[in-house]
Amino acid sequence: MQRRLTLIYWKSDQFWLGKLQEYPEIMTQGETLEELEENIRDAYLLMMADDVPDGYQTKEIAI
């Protein structure tokens, strides 16, 4: 089942920029609107850590 999310996007001088309304911390760019959509899908999948194995650990760090 595919999940549907809302892409907020705009055109800057050089790139299309966008972020997901439901996850505003996920933001990316593309030279075309199609590239932006592809990049935001990739960024979402990376941020959701679909490929993290069972038994993972977490640790708080100072930034």
N, C-alpha and C. Protein backbone atom coordinates (compact mmCIF):
# COMPACT_ATOMS: atom_id res chain seq x y z
N MET A 1 0.84 -1.19 0.00
CA MET A 1 0.00 0.00 0.00
C MET A 1 0.88 1.25 0.00
N GLN A 2 0.62 2.14 -0.90
CA GLN A 2 1.38 3.38 -0.98
C GLN A 2 0.84 4.40 0.00
N ARG A 3 1.74 5.15 0.58
CA ARG A 3 1.35 6.24 1.46
C ARG A 3 1.35 7.52 0.65
N ARG A 4 0.37 8.37 0.85
CA ARG A 4 0.29 9.64 0.13
C ARG A 4 0.60 10.78 1.09
N LEU A 5 1.58 11.59 0.72
CA LEU A 5 1.99 12.73 1.53
C LEU A 5 1.88 14.00 0.68
N THR A 6 1.83 15.14 1.33
CA THR A 6 1.68 16.42 0.64
C THR A 6 3.04 17.08 0.45
N LEU A 7 3.40 17.35 -0.80
CA LEU A 7 4.63 18.04 -1.13
C LEU A 7 4.33 19.53 -1.25
N ILE A 8 5.03 20.34 -0.46
CA ILE A 8 4.98 21.80 -0.58
C ILE A 8 6.21 22.19 -1.39
N TYR A 9 6.02 22.90 -2.50
CA TYR A 9 7.17 23.19 -3.36
C TYR A 9 7.08 24.58 -3.96
N TRP A 10 8.24 25.08 -4.37
CA TRP A 10 8.34 26.40 -4.99
C TRP A 10 9.59 26.44 -5.85
N LYS A 11 9.65 27.43 -6.72
CA LYS A 11 10.77 27.60 -7.66
C LYS A 11 11.65 28.72 -7.16
N SER A 12 12.94 28.43 -6.99
CA SER A 12 13.92 29.47 -6.68
C SER A 12 14.54 29.92 -8.00
N ASP A 13 15.61 30.67 -7.93
CA ASP A 13 16.27 31.13 -9.16
C ASP A 13 16.79 29.97 -10.00
N GLN A 14 17.30 28.91 -9.33
CA GLN A 14 17.92 27.81 -10.06
C GLN A 14 17.21 26.47 -9.90
N PHE A 15 16.57 26.23 -8.77
CA PHE A 15 16.05 24.90 -8.48
C PHE A 15 14.60 24.95 -8.04
N TRP A 16 13.96 23.79 -8.13
CA TRP A 16 12.69 23.56 -7.46
C TRP A 16 13.05 23.09 -6.06
N LEU A 17 12.43 23.67 -5.05
CA LEU A 17 12.65 23.31 -3.65
C LEU A 17 11.35 22.77 -3.08
N GLY A 18 11.46 21.82 -2.15
CA GLY A 18 10.24 21.30 -1.57
C GLY A 18 10.48 20.58 -0.26
N LYS A 19 9.39 20.45 0.50
CA LYS A 19 9.41 19.68 1.73
C LYS A 19 8.05 19.04 1.92
N LEU A 20 8.01 18.05 2.79
CA LEU A 20 6.77 17.35 3.03
C LEU A 20 6.00 18.04 4.15
N GLN A 21 4.73 18.30 3.92
CA GLN A 21 3.91 18.98 4.92
C GLN A 21 3.86 18.18 6.21
N GLU A 22 3.75 16.86 6.11
CA GLU A 22 3.65 16.01 7.29
C GLU A 22 4.99 15.84 8.01
N TYR A 23 6.09 16.04 7.31
CA TYR A 23 7.44 15.91 7.86
C TYR A 23 8.28 17.09 7.35
N PRO A 24 8.08 18.30 7.90
CA PRO A 24 8.76 19.49 7.37
C PRO A 24 10.28 19.44 7.46
N GLU A 25 10.80 18.55 8.27
CA GLU A 25 12.26 18.42 8.35
C GLU A 25 12.84 17.71 7.13
N ILE A 26 11.99 17.08 6.34
CA ILE A 26 12.44 16.42 5.11
C ILE A 26 12.29 17.43 3.97
N MET A 27 13.43 17.91 3.48
CA MET A 27 13.44 18.95 2.45
C MET A 27 14.53 18.61 1.44
N THR A 28 14.30 18.94 0.17
CA THR A 28 15.29 18.68 -0.86
C THR A 28 15.05 19.62 -2.04
N GLN A 29 15.79 19.38 -3.11
CA GLN A 29 15.69 20.22 -4.31
C GLN A 29 15.84 19.36 -5.55
N GLY A 30 15.53 19.96 -6.70
CA GLY A 30 15.73 19.30 -7.99
C GLY A 30 15.79 20.34 -9.08
N GLU A 31 16.47 19.98 -10.17
CA GLU A 31 16.54 20.91 -11.31
C GLU A 31 15.21 20.99 -12.04
N THR A 32 14.41 19.93 -11.94
CA THR A 32 13.07 19.92 -12.52
C THR A 32 12.09 19.50 -11.43
N LEU A 33 10.82 19.71 -11.67
CA LEU A 33 9.80 19.29 -10.71
C LEU A 33 9.81 17.77 -10.56
N GLU A 34 10.04 17.07 -11.66
CA GLU A 34 10.10 15.61 -11.62
C GLU A 34 11.27 15.14 -10.76
N GLU A 35 12.44 15.80 -10.90
CA GLU A 35 13.60 15.44 -10.10
C GLU A 35 13.34 15.74 -8.62
N LEU A 36 12.67 16.85 -8.33
CA LEU A 36 12.31 17.17 -6.95
C LEU A 36 11.45 16.07 -6.36
N GLU A 37 10.44 15.61 -7.09
CA GLU A 37 9.56 14.55 -6.59
C GLU A 37 10.35 13.26 -6.32
N GLU A 38 11.26 12.92 -7.21
CA GLU A 38 12.08 11.72 -7.02
C GLU A 38 12.98 11.89 -5.79
N ASN A 39 13.58 13.06 -5.65
CA ASN A 39 14.47 13.31 -4.52
C ASN A 39 13.73 13.31 -3.19
N ILE A 40 12.51 13.84 -3.17
CA ILE A 40 11.76 13.88 -1.91
C ILE A 40 11.33 12.47 -1.51
N ARG A 41 11.00 11.63 -2.50
CA ARG A 41 10.69 10.22 -2.18
C ARG A 41 11.90 9.53 -1.57
N ASP A 42 13.07 9.73 -2.18
CA ASP A 42 14.30 9.13 -1.66
C ASP A 42 14.60 9.64 -0.25
N ALA A 43 14.46 10.94 -0.04
CA ALA A 43 14.73 11.52 1.28
C ALA A 43 13.78 10.97 2.32
N TYR A 44 12.51 10.81 1.95
CA TYR A 44 11.51 10.26 2.88
C TYR A 44 11.89 8.83 3.27
N LEU A 45 12.22 8.02 2.30
CA LEU A 45 12.58 6.63 2.60
C LEU A 45 13.82 6.55 3.47
N LEU A 46 14.80 7.39 3.23
CA LEU A 46 15.99 7.41 4.07
C LEU A 46 15.67 7.86 5.49
N MET A 47 14.85 8.89 5.62
CA MET A 47 14.51 9.40 6.95
C MET A 47 13.64 8.43 7.74
N MET A 48 12.85 7.65 7.06
CA MET A 48 11.99 6.70 7.76
C MET A 48 12.76 5.42 8.11
N ALA A 49 14.01 5.34 7.68
CA ALA A 49 14.92 4.25 8.03
C ALA A 49 14.31 2.88 7.76
N ASP A 50 13.77 2.72 6.55
CA ASP A 50 13.20 1.43 6.18
C ASP A 50 14.23 0.31 6.19
N ASP A 51 15.51 0.65 6.06
CA ASP A 51 16.53 -0.38 5.95
C ASP A 51 17.30 -0.60 7.25
N VAL A 52 16.80 -0.10 8.38
CA VAL A 52 17.47 -0.31 9.66
C VAL A 52 17.13 -1.73 10.14
N PRO A 53 18.15 -2.53 10.46
CA PRO A 53 17.89 -3.90 10.86
C PRO A 53 17.32 -3.99 12.29
N ASP A 54 16.69 -5.11 12.59
CA ASP A 54 16.24 -5.37 13.94
C ASP A 54 17.45 -5.34 14.87
N GLY A 55 17.24 -4.99 16.11
CA GLY A 55 18.34 -4.95 17.06
C GLY A 55 19.12 -3.66 17.03
N TYR A 56 18.59 -2.62 16.37
CA TYR A 56 19.30 -1.35 16.30
C TYR A 56 19.37 -0.72 17.69
N GLN A 57 20.26 0.24 17.85
CA GLN A 57 20.43 0.96 19.10
C GLN A 57 20.23 2.45 18.87
N THR A 58 19.95 3.17 19.94
CA THR A 58 19.83 4.62 19.84
C THR A 58 20.73 5.26 20.90
N LYS A 59 21.12 6.50 20.65
CA LYS A 59 21.97 7.24 21.57
C LYS A 59 21.73 8.73 21.34
N GLU A 60 21.53 9.47 22.41
CA GLU A 60 21.40 10.92 22.30
C GLU A 60 22.80 11.51 22.16
N ILE A 61 22.93 12.50 21.27
CA ILE A 61 24.19 13.17 21.07
C ILE A 61 23.98 14.68 21.12
N ALA A 62 25.00 15.41 21.48
CA ALA A 62 24.94 16.87 21.49
C ALA A 62 25.27 17.39 20.10
N ILE A 63 24.53 18.36 19.67
CA ILE A 63 24.76 18.97 18.36
C ILE A 63 25.14 20.43 18.56
